[in-house]
Protein backbone atom coordinates (compact mmCIF):
# COMPACT_ATOMS: atom_id res chain seq x y z
CA MET A 1 106.41 -34.75 201.86
CA SER A 2 106.59 -30.97 201.54
CA ILE A 3 109.94 -29.19 201.55
CA THR A 4 108.69 -27.13 204.49
CA GLU A 5 107.47 -30.14 206.50
CA ASP A 6 110.63 -30.21 208.61
CA VAL A 7 110.66 -26.58 209.74
CA VAL A 8 114.09 -26.78 211.42
CA GLN A 9 115.74 -28.27 208.32
CA PHE A 10 113.97 -25.75 206.07
CA GLU A 11 115.05 -22.84 208.30
CA LYS A 12 118.67 -24.06 208.28
CA ALA A 13 118.77 -24.47 204.49
CA LEU A 14 117.16 -21.07 203.93
CA SER A 15 119.55 -19.40 206.39
CA GLU A 16 122.61 -20.94 204.76
CA ALA A 17 121.46 -19.81 201.31
CA PHE A 18 120.84 -16.20 202.36
CA VAL A 19 124.07 -15.91 204.37
CA LYS A 20 125.98 -17.26 201.37
CA LEU A 21 124.36 -14.60 199.17
CA ALA A 22 125.16 -11.86 201.69
CA LEU A 23 128.82 -12.91 201.83
CA GLU A 24 129.24 -13.37 198.06
CA GLY A 25 131.93 -11.05 196.71
CA THR A 26 133.13 -9.89 200.13
CA ASP A 27 136.45 -10.34 201.89
CA LYS A 28 138.21 -9.06 205.00
CA SER A 29 138.58 -5.61 203.46
CA THR A 30 134.83 -5.16 202.92
CA PRO A 31 133.66 -2.24 205.09
CA MET A 32 131.34 -3.12 207.98
CA SER A 33 128.78 -0.62 206.64
CA GLU A 34 128.52 -2.66 203.44
CA MET A 35 128.30 -5.90 205.41
CA ARG A 36 125.45 -4.44 207.49
CA GLU A 37 123.60 -3.41 204.32
CA ARG A 38 124.04 -6.88 202.83
CA PHE A 39 122.95 -8.69 206.01
CA SER A 40 120.05 -6.31 206.51
CA GLU A 41 118.74 -7.05 203.02
CA ALA A 42 119.39 -10.79 203.38
CA GLY A 43 117.50 -10.80 206.69
CA ARG A 44 114.50 -9.00 205.20
CA LEU A 45 114.38 -11.37 202.24
CA TRP A 46 114.82 -14.39 204.51
CA GLY A 47 111.96 -13.19 206.72
CA ARG A 48 109.70 -12.67 203.72
CA ALA A 49 110.49 -16.08 202.25
CA PHE A 50 110.04 -17.82 205.60
CA ALA A 51 106.70 -16.12 206.30
CA VAL A 52 105.30 -16.88 202.85
CA CYS A 53 106.53 -20.47 202.68
CA LEU A 54 105.27 -21.48 206.11
CA ASN A 55 102.05 -19.48 206.24
CA GLU A 56 99.84 -19.88 203.19
CA GLY A 57 97.50 -17.08 204.19
CA ALA A 58 100.10 -14.64 205.49
CA THR A 59 98.91 -11.06 205.55
CA ALA A 60 101.11 -8.16 204.46
CA PHE A 61 101.43 -7.19 208.13
CA GLU A 62 102.63 -10.69 209.13
CA ILE A 63 105.11 -10.76 206.27
CA ARG A 64 106.48 -7.31 207.17
CA ALA A 65 106.74 -8.28 210.85
CA SER A 66 108.72 -11.37 209.85
CA GLU A 67 110.99 -9.24 207.65
CA VAL A 68 111.76 -6.86 210.53
CA LYS A 69 112.34 -9.67 213.03
CA CYS A 70 114.67 -11.55 210.71
CA GLU A 71 116.55 -8.42 209.62
CA ARG A 72 117.37 -7.78 213.30
CA ARG A 73 118.34 -11.40 213.77
CA PHE A 74 120.75 -11.36 210.81
CA LEU A 75 122.32 -8.10 212.03
CA GLU A 76 122.73 -9.51 215.55
CA VAL A 77 124.55 -12.53 214.13
CA LEU A 78 126.78 -10.30 212.02
CA ASN A 79 127.63 -8.17 215.05
CA ARG A 80 128.40 -11.24 217.19
CA GLN A 81 130.69 -12.60 214.49
CA ALA A 82 132.32 -9.54 212.95
CA GLY A 83 131.55 -6.64 215.27
CA PRO A 84 133.86 -5.38 218.01
CA ASN A 85 135.20 -8.37 219.96
CA GLY A 86 133.34 -10.64 217.51
CA ALA A 87 134.24 -14.30 217.09
CA GLN A 88 135.65 -13.73 213.57
CA ARG A 89 137.65 -10.59 214.36
CA GLU A 90 141.42 -10.77 214.22
C-alpha cells in the first residue's frame, strides 16, 4: 500500500504537518502580517507537495496552479480562525 493511496488521510496528515510548521515559534503577540507570510508559504509548499505526490507526471503549470490554490486555501483558513471576528480571536 502506498502512503498516498488514501488521499483523504494523506491530505489530512500533510495539512497538519504544514500548519504545525507555520505555527512553530509563534504566539498571540505574533503580528498578523507575519502569520499571513507563514501561512502563504506553508500553503504554497503544501500545494507543491500534494501535486507532486499525487500526480507522477505533473507539469510545472499543474504544480504552480496547485501552489496558488493551496496558498489561497491556507490564507482563507487563517482569516477564518484569526482574522477579524475569527474563531480564535479573543
